[in-house]
């Protein structure tokens, strides 16, 4: 039996606005899945490989949607006045996401069809950002801003650190302590490491894909490139990382080995291709 080609889902504005696309992991067969004037973004593949979850403002404010991997049968699965953002799957097929539906802002989890929505983070702590589930589904790593809120005046003062939240409701545990903005974490398939974006100078390039062990040790710059290198995502076997870089003039999708070697560009156009996610094969 022929081995199934692994895929990467990502977002691009190459056709005029942000849409969801799919391609092979060698960059071939780039195909658009969504087609509407709203912003469709932050797509992620389900553990079974049969659904894609994404964020869209097509109905007025950012909500979470799911669709088949060919772009058919699009369904909205959240509906509230607060913004629902940055959905990702848990290993058991639930969806973890950030939401402004309470006064603090928090991390929520729900079934893959949008039912049984529960607060994952503590009611006493405020979190936003892009949550990533641990392989056992019992914890989430997420960023939290620790400096001034973003404005043009304070952009260069932004700070953010990564925190691990446990499903038992205990207080979160701070993972990073780096004088920079650290965000968009992705938990490794073996549960031992987290990759994330880290700016050496807050608000300014370069930003690099950085790895850290979940005990806080082993901090290492993997992408080690000028410009912005962001939105890292592990391959299902943990051997590769796909990420976004503007090193060649605009945001493109790249792939590299998990140790940072053999960095290869997969997309090549004059628009922004960003936020990649692997299929589970």
C-alpha atoms as a PDB file:
ATOM      1  CA  UNK A   1       0.000   0.000   0.000  1.00  0.00           C
ATOM      2  CA  UNK A   2       1.383   3.411  -0.986  1.00  0.00           C
ATOM      3  CA  UNK A   3       2.290   5.635   1.951  1.00  0.00           C
ATOM      4  CA  UNK A   4       0.031   8.673   2.278  1.00  0.00           C
ATOM      5  CA  UNK A   5       1.690  12.015   1.557  1.00  0.00           C
ATOM      6  CA  UNK A   6       1.887  14.189   4.655  1.00  0.00           C
ATOM      7  CA  UNK A   7       0.350  17.666   4.317  1.00  0.00           C
ATOM      8  CA  UNK A   8       0.682  21.140   5.775  1.00  0.00           C
ATOM      9  CA  UNK A   9      -2.261  23.510   6.195  1.00  0.00           C
ATOM     10  CA  UNK A  10      -1.497  27.237   6.349  1.00  0.00           C
ATOM     11  CA  UNK A  11      -2.956  30.680   5.693  1.00  0.00           C
ATOM     12  CA  UNK A  12      -2.081  33.044   2.857  1.00  0.00           C
ATOM     13  CA  UNK A  13      -3.269  36.357   1.432  1.00  0.00           C
ATOM     14  CA  UNK A  14      -2.009  35.563  -2.084  1.00  0.00           C
ATOM     15  CA  UNK A  15      -5.536  35.783  -3.504  1.00  0.00           C
ATOM     16  CA  UNK A  16      -6.441  39.131  -1.964  1.00  0.00           C
ATOM     17  CA  UNK A  17      -7.303  38.281   1.656  1.00  0.00           C
ATOM     18  CA  UNK A  18      -6.404  35.707   4.263  1.00  0.00           C
ATOM     19  CA  UNK A  19      -7.571  32.216   3.234  1.00  0.00           C
ATOM     20  CA  UNK A  20      -6.718  28.654   4.284  1.00  0.00           C
ATOM     21  CA  UNK A  21      -4.516  26.581   1.962  1.00  0.00           C
ATOM     22  CA  UNK A  22      -3.076  23.098   1.910  1.00  0.00           C
ATOM     23  CA  UNK A  23       0.124  21.694   0.395  1.00  0.00           C
ATOM     24  CA  UNK A  24       2.448  18.712   0.504  1.00  0.00           C
ATOM     25  CA  UNK A  25       5.381  18.914   2.899  1.00  0.00           C
ATOM     26  CA  UNK A  26       7.722  19.449  -0.046  1.00  0.00           C
ATOM     27  CA  UNK A  27       5.770  22.571  -1.037  1.00  0.00           C
ATOM     28  CA  UNK A  28       3.959  21.069  -4.024  1.00  0.00           C
ATOM     29  CA  UNK A  29       0.215  21.035  -4.778  1.00  0.00           C
ATOM     30  CA  UNK A  30      -0.670  24.282  -3.008  1.00  0.00           C
ATOM     31  CA  UNK A  31      -4.477  24.444  -2.981  1.00  0.00           C
ATOM     32  CA  UNK A  32      -6.899  26.980  -1.518  1.00  0.00           C
ATOM     33  CA  UNK A  33      -9.579  25.535   0.790  1.00  0.00           C
ATOM     34  CA  UNK A  34     -11.617  28.618   1.825  1.00  0.00           C
ATOM     35  CA  UNK A  35     -12.919  31.428  -0.356  1.00  0.00           C
ATOM     36  CA  UNK A  36     -14.695  34.416   1.160  1.00  0.00           C
ATOM     37  CA  UNK A  37     -13.924  38.090   1.908  1.00  0.00           C
ATOM     38  CA  UNK A  38     -13.380  37.536   5.652  1.00  0.00           C
ATOM     39  CA  UNK A  39     -10.139  36.656   7.419  1.00  0.00           C
ATOM     40  CA  UNK A  40      -9.765  32.883   7.677  1.00  0.00           C
ATOM     41  CA  UNK A  41      -6.685  32.033   9.703  1.00  0.00           C
ATOM     42  CA  UNK A  42      -4.961  29.950  12.399  1.00  0.00           C
ATOM     43  CA  UNK A  43      -5.852  26.567  10.901  1.00  0.00           C
ATOM     44  CA  UNK A  44      -4.963  23.292  12.633  1.00  0.00           C
ATOM     45  CA  UNK A  45      -5.391  19.648  11.661  1.00  0.00           C
ATOM     46  CA  UNK A  46      -7.435  17.217  13.754  1.00  0.00           C
ATOM     47  CA  UNK A  47      -5.715  14.157  15.287  1.00  0.00           C
ATOM     48  CA  UNK A  48      -7.694  11.808  13.035  1.00  0.00           C
ATOM     49  CA  UNK A  49      -6.789  13.831   9.961  1.00  0.00           C
ATOM     50  CA  UNK A  50     -10.392  14.303   8.848  1.00  0.00           C
ATOM     51  CA  UNK A  51     -11.089  17.903   9.970  1.00  0.00           C
ATOM     52  CA  UNK A  52      -9.449  21.318  10.010  1.00  0.00           C
ATOM     53  CA  UNK A  53     -10.295  23.880  12.677  1.00  0.00           C
ATOM     54  CA  UNK A  54      -9.729  27.575  12.035  1.00  0.00           C
ATOM     55  CA  UNK A  55     -10.612  31.085  13.142  1.00  0.00           C
ATOM     56  CA  UNK A  56     -12.747  33.423  11.015  1.00  0.00           C
ATOM     57  CA  UNK A  57     -14.564  36.736  11.341  1.00  0.00           C
ATOM     58  CA  UNK A  58     -16.944  35.961   8.454  1.00  0.00           C
ATOM     59  CA  UNK A  59     -19.964  36.359  10.746  1.00  0.00           C
ATOM     60  CA  UNK A  60     -18.902  39.632  12.328  1.00  0.00           C
ATOM     61  CA  UNK A  61     -16.337  38.780  15.004  1.00  0.00           C
ATOM     62  CA  UNK A  62     -13.699  36.069  15.373  1.00  0.00           C
ATOM     63  CA  UNK A  63     -15.316  32.667  15.958  1.00  0.00           C
ATOM     64  CA  UNK A  64     -14.118  29.096  15.561  1.00  0.00           C
ATOM     65  CA  UNK A  65     -15.070  26.970  12.576  1.00  0.00           C
ATOM     66  CA  UNK A  66     -14.387  23.458  11.346  1.00  0.00           C
ATOM     67  CA  UNK A  67     -14.382  21.982   7.853  1.00  0.00           C
ATOM     68  CA  UNK A  68     -13.411  18.840   5.987  1.00  0.00           C
ATOM     69  CA  UNK A  69      -9.838  18.654   4.717  1.00  0.00           C
ATOM     70  CA  UNK A  70     -11.030  19.441   1.176  1.00  0.00           C
ATOM     71  CA  UNK A  71     -12.679  22.669   2.372  1.00  0.00           C
ATOM     72  CA  UNK A  72     -16.231  21.357   2.287  1.00  0.00           C
ATOM     73  CA  UNK A  73     -18.908  21.406   5.007  1.00  0.00           C
ATOM     74  CA  UNK A  74     -17.757  24.547   6.832  1.00  0.00           C
ATOM     75  CA  UNK A  75     -19.484  24.912  10.214  1.00  0.00           C
ATOM     76  CA  UNK A  76     -19.266  27.569  12.906  1.00  0.00           C
ATOM     77  CA  UNK A  77     -18.911  25.907  16.309  1.00  0.00           C
ATOM     78  CA  UNK A  78     -18.691  28.932  18.638  1.00  0.00           C
ATOM     79  CA  UNK A  79     -21.036  31.892  18.860  1.00  0.00           C
ATOM     80  CA  UNK A  80     -20.645  34.616  21.469  1.00  0.00           C
ATOM     81  CA  UNK A  81     -19.889  38.375  21.592  1.00  0.00           C
ATOM     82  CA  UNK A  82     -16.349  37.842  22.875  1.00  0.00           C
ATOM     83  CA  UNK A  83     -13.601  36.862  20.461  1.00  0.00           C
ATOM     84  CA  UNK A  84     -12.722  33.140  20.200  1.00  0.00           C
ATOM     85  CA  UNK A  85      -9.171  32.765  18.941  1.00  0.00           C
ATOM     86  CA  UNK A  86      -6.255  30.491  18.063  1.00  0.00           C
ATOM     87  CA  UNK A  87      -7.881  27.033  18.116  1.00  0.00           C
ATOM     88  CA  UNK A  88      -5.770  23.891  18.323  1.00  0.00           C
ATOM     89  CA  UNK A  89      -6.658  20.252  18.838  1.00  0.00           C
ATOM     90  CA  UNK A  90      -5.964  18.126  21.872  1.00  0.00           C
ATOM     91  CA  UNK A  91      -4.830  14.519  21.288  1.00  0.00           C
ATOM     92  CA  UNK A  92      -8.290  13.180  22.152  1.00  0.00           C
ATOM     93  CA  UNK A  93     -10.022  15.296  19.505  1.00  0.00           C
ATOM     94  CA  UNK A  94     -11.163  18.231  21.620  1.00  0.00           C
ATOM     95  CA  UNK A  95     -10.297  21.838  20.761  1.00  0.00           C
ATOM     96  CA  UNK A  96      -8.418  24.217  23.037  1.00  0.00           C
ATOM     97  CA  UNK A  97      -8.683  27.941  22.327  1.00  0.00           C
ATOM     98  CA  UNK A  98      -8.324  31.432  23.779  1.00  0.00           C
ATOM     99  CA  UNK A  99     -11.470  33.442  24.436  1.00  0.00           C
ATOM    100  CA  UNK A 100     -12.568  36.819  25.758  1.00  0.00           C
ATOM    101  CA  UNK A 101     -15.883  35.440  26.988  1.00  0.00           C
ATOM    102  CA  UNK A 102     -15.111  36.198  30.626  1.00  0.00           C
ATOM    103  CA  UNK A 103     -13.804  39.344  32.261  1.00  0.00           C
ATOM    104  CA  UNK A 104     -10.221  38.114  32.417  1.00  0.00           C
ATOM    105  CA  UNK A 105      -9.826  36.291  29.163  1.00  0.00           C
ATOM    106  CA  UNK A 106      -9.015  32.624  29.442  1.00  0.00           C
ATOM    107  CA  UNK A 107      -8.160  29.287  27.859  1.00  0.00           C
ATOM    108  CA  UNK A 108     -11.136  27.058  27.089  1.00  0.00           C
ATOM    109  CA  UNK A 109     -11.607  23.534  25.807  1.00  0.00           C
ATOM    110  CA  UNK A 110     -14.583  22.042  23.963  1.00  0.00           C
ATOM    111  CA  UNK A 111     -15.615  18.975  22.019  1.00  0.00           C
ATOM    112  CA  UNK A 112     -14.762  18.919  18.333  1.00  0.00           C
ATOM    113  CA  UNK A 113     -18.315  19.908  17.408  1.00  0.00           C
ATOM    114  CA  UNK A 114     -18.371  22.940  19.732  1.00  0.00           C
ATOM    115  CA  UNK A 115     -20.303  21.382  22.610  1.00  0.00           C
ATOM    116  CA  UNK A 116     -19.292  21.016  26.271  1.00  0.00           C
ATOM    117  CA  UNK A 117     -17.268  24.249  26.461  1.00  0.00           C
ATOM    118  CA  UNK A 118     -15.247  24.396  29.687  1.00  0.00           C
ATOM    119  CA  UNK A 119     -12.781  26.854  31.193  1.00  0.00           C
ATOM    120  CA  UNK A 120      -9.353  25.182  31.224  1.00  0.00           C
ATOM    121  CA  UNK A 121      -7.373  27.945  32.929  1.00  0.00           C
ATOM    122  CA  UNK A 122      -8.003  29.148  36.461  1.00  0.00           C
ATOM    123  CA  UNK A 123     -10.721  31.756  37.055  1.00  0.00           C
ATOM    124  CA  UNK A 124      -8.116  33.718  39.000  1.00  0.00           C
ATOM    125  CA  UNK A 125      -5.656  34.070  36.090  1.00  0.00           C
ATOM    126  CA  UNK A 126      -5.944  35.856  32.754  1.00  0.00           C
ATOM    127  CA  UNK A 127      -4.546  34.244  29.620  1.00  0.00           C
ATOM    128  CA  UNK A 128      -4.678  34.954  25.918  1.00  0.00           C
ATOM    129  CA  UNK A 129      -2.373  33.932  23.145  1.00  0.00           C
ATOM    130  CA  UNK A 130      -2.135  30.614  21.344  1.00  0.00           C
ATOM    131  CA  UNK A 131      -2.524  27.533  23.567  1.00  0.00           C
ATOM    132  CA  UNK A 132      -0.855  24.229  22.690  1.00  0.00           C
ATOM    133  CA  UNK A 133      -1.891  20.967  24.341  1.00  0.00           C
ATOM    134  CA  UNK A 134       0.522  18.461  25.832  1.00  0.00           C
ATOM    135  CA  UNK A 135       0.519  15.011  24.177  1.00  0.00           C
ATOM    136  CA  UNK A 136      -1.458  13.537  27.088  1.00  0.00           C
ATOM    137  CA  UNK A 137      -4.031  16.350  26.926  1.00  0.00           C
ATOM    138  CA  UNK A 138      -3.681  17.150  30.636  1.00  0.00           C
ATOM    139  CA  UNK A 139      -1.772  20.418  30.284  1.00  0.00           C
ATOM    140  CA  UNK A 140      -1.571  23.434  28.002  1.00  0.00           C
ATOM    141  CA  UNK A 141       1.337  25.784  27.327  1.00  0.00           C
ATOM    142  CA  UNK A 142       0.390  29.364  26.475  1.00  0.00           C
ATOM    143  CA  UNK A 143       1.882  32.836  26.464  1.00  0.00           C
ATOM    144  CA  UNK A 144       0.851  35.668  28.727  1.00  0.00           C
ATOM    145  CA  UNK A 145       1.855  39.300  28.336  1.00  0.00           C
ATOM    146  CA  UNK A 146       3.871  40.421  31.336  1.00  0.00           C
ATOM    147  CA  UNK A 147       4.734  43.959  30.209  1.00  0.00           C
ATOM    148  CA  UNK A 148       2.690  46.932  28.996  1.00  0.00           C
ATOM    149  CA  UNK A 149      -0.237  46.211  26.734  1.00  0.00           C
ATOM    150  CA  UNK A 150       0.527  46.765  23.078  1.00  0.00           C
ATOM    151  CA  UNK A 151       0.342  50.257  21.630  1.00  0.00           C
ATOM    152  CA  UNK A 152       2.598  51.952  19.110  1.00  0.00           C
ATOM    153  CA  UNK A 153       4.227  53.778  22.007  1.00  0.00           C
ATOM    154  CA  UNK A 154       4.919  50.629  24.032  1.00  0.00           C
ATOM    155  CA  UNK A 155       5.606  48.134  21.230  1.00  0.00           C
ATOM    156  CA  UNK A 156       9.283  47.925  22.079  1.00  0.00           C
ATOM    157  CA  UNK A 157       8.501  47.319  25.743  1.00  0.00           C
ATOM    158  CA  UNK A 158       6.290  44.269  25.204  1.00  0.00           C
ATOM    159  CA  UNK A 159       7.155  41.257  27.283  1.00  0.00           C
ATOM    160  CA  UNK A 160       5.551  37.858  27.257  1.00  0.00           C
ATOM    161  CA  UNK A 161       6.408  34.599  28.972  1.00  0.00           C
ATOM    162  CA  UNK A 162       5.221  31.026  28.551  1.00  0.00           C
ATOM    163  CA  UNK A 163       3.168  29.342  31.257  1.00  0.00           C
ATOM    164  CA  UNK A 164       2.005  25.755  31.694  1.00  0.00           C
ATOM    165  CA  UNK A 165      -1.599  25.315  32.829  1.00  0.00           C
ATOM    166  CA  UNK A 166      -2.773  21.992  34.261  1.00  0.00           C
ATOM    167  CA  UNK A 167      -6.299  20.666  33.915  1.00  0.00           C
ATOM    168  CA  UNK A 168      -6.571  20.094  37.658  1.00  0.00           C
ATOM    169  CA  UNK A 169      -7.049  23.830  38.149  1.00  0.00           C
ATOM    170  CA  UNK A 170      -3.822  24.466  40.044  1.00  0.00           C
ATOM    171  CA  UNK A 171      -2.060  27.780  39.525  1.00  0.00           C
ATOM    172  CA  UNK A 172      -0.069  28.009  36.309  1.00  0.00           C
ATOM    173  CA  UNK A 173       3.687  27.380  36.249  1.00  0.00           C
ATOM    174  CA  UNK A 174       5.976  29.843  34.462  1.00  0.00           C
ATOM    175  CA  UNK A 175       8.176  28.087  31.903  1.00  0.00           C
ATOM    176  CA  UNK A 176      10.288  30.912  30.446  1.00  0.00           C
ATOM    177  CA  UNK A 177      11.985  33.894  32.009  1.00  0.00           C
ATOM    178  CA  UNK A 178      13.496  35.706  29.040  1.00  0.00           C
ATOM    179  CA  UNK A 179      13.655  39.478  28.710  1.00  0.00           C
ATOM    180  CA  UNK A 180      11.757  39.449  25.413  1.00  0.00           C
ATOM    181  CA  UNK A 181       8.375  38.659  23.934  1.00  0.00           C
ATOM    182  CA  UNK A 182       7.940  34.878  23.846  1.00  0.00           C
ATOM    183  CA  UNK A 183       4.874  33.454  22.139  1.00  0.00           C
ATOM    184  CA  UNK A 184       3.116  30.933  19.900  1.00  0.00           C
ATOM    185  CA  UNK A 185       4.315  27.769  21.683  1.00  0.00           C
ATOM    186  CA  UNK A 186       4.077  24.264  20.252  1.00  0.00           C
ATOM    187  CA  UNK A 187       4.465  21.186  22.479  1.00  0.00           C
ATOM    188  CA  UNK A 188       6.657  18.397  21.084  1.00  0.00           C
ATOM    189  CA  UNK A 189       5.025  15.010  20.315  1.00  0.00           C
ATOM    190  CA  UNK A 190       7.127  13.282  23.000  1.00  0.00           C
ATOM    191  CA  UNK A 191       6.016  15.830  25.619  1.00  0.00           C
ATOM    192  CA  UNK A 192       9.566  16.779  26.579  1.00  0.00           C
ATOM    193  CA  UNK A 193      10.054  20.123  24.799  1.00  0.00           C
ATOM    194  CA  UNK A 194       8.296  23.275  23.628  1.00  0.00           C
ATOM    195  CA  UNK A 195       9.227  25.445  20.657  1.00  0.00           C
ATOM    196  CA  UNK A 196       8.181  29.090  20.562  1.00  0.00           C
ATOM    197  CA  UNK A 197       8.922  32.502  19.021  1.00  0.00           C
ATOM    198  CA  UNK A 198      11.348  34.669  20.949  1.00  0.00           C
ATOM    199  CA  UNK A 199      12.437  38.242  20.168  1.00  0.00           C
ATOM    200  CA  UNK A 200      15.914  39.101  21.381  1.00  0.00           C
ATOM    201  CA  UNK A 201      14.768  42.736  21.427  1.00  0.00           C
ATOM    202  CA  UNK A 202      11.052  43.084  22.211  1.00  0.00           C
ATOM    203  CA  UNK A 203       9.106  44.406  19.249  1.00  0.00           C
ATOM    204  CA  UNK A 204      12.122  44.287  16.927  1.00  0.00           C
ATOM    205  CA  UNK A 205      13.730  41.617  14.759  1.00  0.00           C
ATOM    206  CA  UNK A 206      15.258  39.202  14.946  1.00  0.00           C
ATOM    207  CA  UNK A 207      12.719  36.750  16.288  1.00  0.00           C
ATOM    208  CA  UNK A 208      13.717  33.121  16.220  1.00  0.00           C
ATOM    209  CA  UNK A 209      12.242  29.680  16.722  1.00  0.00           C
ATOM    210  CA  UNK A 210      13.534  28.679  20.137  1.00  0.00           C
ATOM    211  CA  UNK A 211      13.299  25.392  22.019  1.00  0.00           C
ATOM    212  CA  UNK A 212      13.136  24.729  25.756  1.00  0.00           C
ATOM    213  CA  UNK A 213      12.657  21.574  27.821  1.00  0.00           C
ATOM    214  CA  UNK A 214       9.529  21.542  29.963  1.00  0.00           C
ATOM    215  CA  UNK A 215      11.699  21.717  33.086  1.00  0.00           C
ATOM    216  CA  UNK A 216      13.077  25.052  31.842  1.00  0.00           C
ATOM    217  CA  UNK A 217      16.467  23.749  30.731  1.00  0.00           C
ATOM    218  CA  UNK A 218      18.101  23.404  27.319  1.00  0.00           C
ATOM    219  CA  UNK A 219      17.136  26.799  25.895  1.00  0.00           C
ATOM    220  CA  UNK A 220      18.385  27.008  22.291  1.00  0.00           C
ATOM    221  CA  UNK A 221      17.880  29.211  19.238  1.00  0.00           C
ATOM    222  CA  UNK A 222      16.999  26.833  16.383  1.00  0.00           C
ATOM    223  CA  UNK A 223      16.312  29.046  13.370  1.00  0.00           C
ATOM    224  CA  UNK A 224      19.197  31.452  14.103  1.00  0.00           C
ATOM    225  CA  UNK A 225      18.365  33.866  11.297  1.00  0.00           C
ATOM    226  CA  UNK A 226      17.905  37.589  10.820  1.00  0.00           C
ATOM    227  CA  UNK A 227      14.369  38.916  10.490  1.00  0.00           C
ATOM    228  CA  UNK A 228      11.266  37.297  11.912  1.00  0.00           C
ATOM    229  CA  UNK A 229      11.150  33.509  12.302  1.00  0.00           C
ATOM    230  CA  UNK A 230       7.833  32.533  13.869  1.00  0.00           C
ATOM    231  CA  UNK A 231       4.881  30.138  14.174  1.00  0.00           C
ATOM    232  CA  UNK A 232       6.840  26.916  14.598  1.00  0.00           C
ATOM    233  CA  UNK A 233       5.011  23.571  14.507  1.00  0.00           C
ATOM    234  CA  UNK A 234       6.371  20.078  15.126  1.00  0.00           C
ATOM    235  CA  UNK A 235       5.900  17.231  12.667  1.00  0.00           C
ATOM    236  CA  UNK A 236       3.955  14.294  14.172  1.00  0.00           C
ATOM    237  CA  UNK A 237       7.144  12.234  14.577  1.00  0.00           C
ATOM    238  CA  UNK A 238       9.032  15.146  16.170  1.00  0.00           C
ATOM    239  CA  UNK A 239      11.821  15.036  13.565  1.00  0.00           C
ATOM    240  CA  UNK A 240      10.907  18.190  11.640  1.00  0.00           C
ATOM    241  CA  UNK A 241       9.648  21.698  12.378  1.00  0.00           C
ATOM    242  CA  UNK A 242       7.792  23.922   9.960  1.00  0.00           C
ATOM    243  CA  UNK A 243       7.851  27.663  10.549  1.00  0.00           C
ATOM    244  CA  UNK A 244       7.462  31.108   8.959  1.00  0.00           C
ATOM    245  CA  UNK A 245      10.319  33.414   8.023  1.00  0.00           C
ATOM    246  CA  UNK A 246      10.640  36.747   6.217  1.00  0.00           C
ATOM    247  CA  UNK A 247      14.372  36.257   5.612  1.00  0.00           C
ATOM    248  CA  UNK A 248      13.826  36.402   1.842  1.00  0.00           C
ATOM    249  CA  UNK A 249      11.696  39.551   1.863  1.00  0.00           C
ATOM    250  CA  UNK A 250       8.217  38.421   2.940  1.00  0.00           C
ATOM    251  CA  UNK A 251       6.611  35.709   5.046  1.00  0.00           C
ATOM    252  CA  UNK A 252       7.108  32.239   3.578  1.00  0.00           C
ATOM    253  CA  UNK A 253       6.771  28.696   4.951  1.00  0.00           C
ATOM    254  CA  UNK A 254      10.018  26.873   5.750  1.00  0.00           C
ATOM    255  CA  UNK A 255      10.909  23.456   7.101  1.00  0.00           C
ATOM    256  CA  UNK A 256      13.933  22.333   9.117  1.00  0.00           C
ATOM    257  CA  UNK A 257      15.179  19.416  11.146  1.00  0.00           C
ATOM    258  CA  UNK A 258      14.285  19.494  14.837  1.00  0.00           C
ATOM    259  CA  UNK A 259      17.855  20.529  15.676  1.00  0.00           C
ATOM    260  CA  UNK A 260      17.637  23.560  13.362  1.00  0.00           C
ATOM    261  CA  UNK A 261      19.660  22.135  10.464  1.00  0.00           C
ATOM    262  CA  UNK A 262      18.668  21.952   6.765  1.00  0.00           C
ATOM    263  CA  UNK A 263      16.319  24.932   6.612  1.00  0.00           C
ATOM    264  CA  UNK A 264      14.390  24.814   3.319  1.00  0.00           C
ATOM    265  CA  UNK A 265      11.799  27.218   1.926  1.00  0.00           C
ATOM    266  CA  UNK A 266       8.542  25.565   0.816  1.00  0.00           C
ATOM    267  CA  UNK A 267       6.508  28.517  -0.524  1.00  0.00           C
ATOM    268  CA  UNK A 268       7.652  31.318  -2.817  1.00  0.00           C
ATOM    269  CA  UNK A 269       5.382  34.212  -3.704  1.00  0.00           C
ATOM    270  CA  UNK A 270       5.142  37.944  -3.060  1.00  0.00           C
ATOM    271  CA  UNK A 271       2.395  37.620  -0.420  1.00  0.00           C
ATOM    272  CA  UNK A 272       2.333  36.388   3.176  1.00  0.00           C
ATOM    273  CA  UNK A 273       2.157  32.658   3.862  1.00  0.00           C
ATOM    274  CA  UNK A 274       1.984  31.936   7.570  1.00  0.00           C
ATOM    275  CA  UNK A 275       0.842  29.784  10.567  1.00  0.00           C
ATOM    276  CA  UNK A 276       1.510  26.247   9.242  1.00  0.00           C
ATOM    277  CA  UNK A 277       0.140  23.059  10.834  1.00  0.00           C
ATOM    278  CA  UNK A 278       0.966  19.411  10.040  1.00  0.00           C
ATOM    279  CA  UNK A 279      -1.423  16.641   9.142  1.00  0.00           C
ATOM    280  CA  UNK A 280      -1.230  13.735  11.607  1.00  0.00           C
ATOM    281  CA  UNK A 281       0.263  11.130   9.250  1.00  0.00           C
END
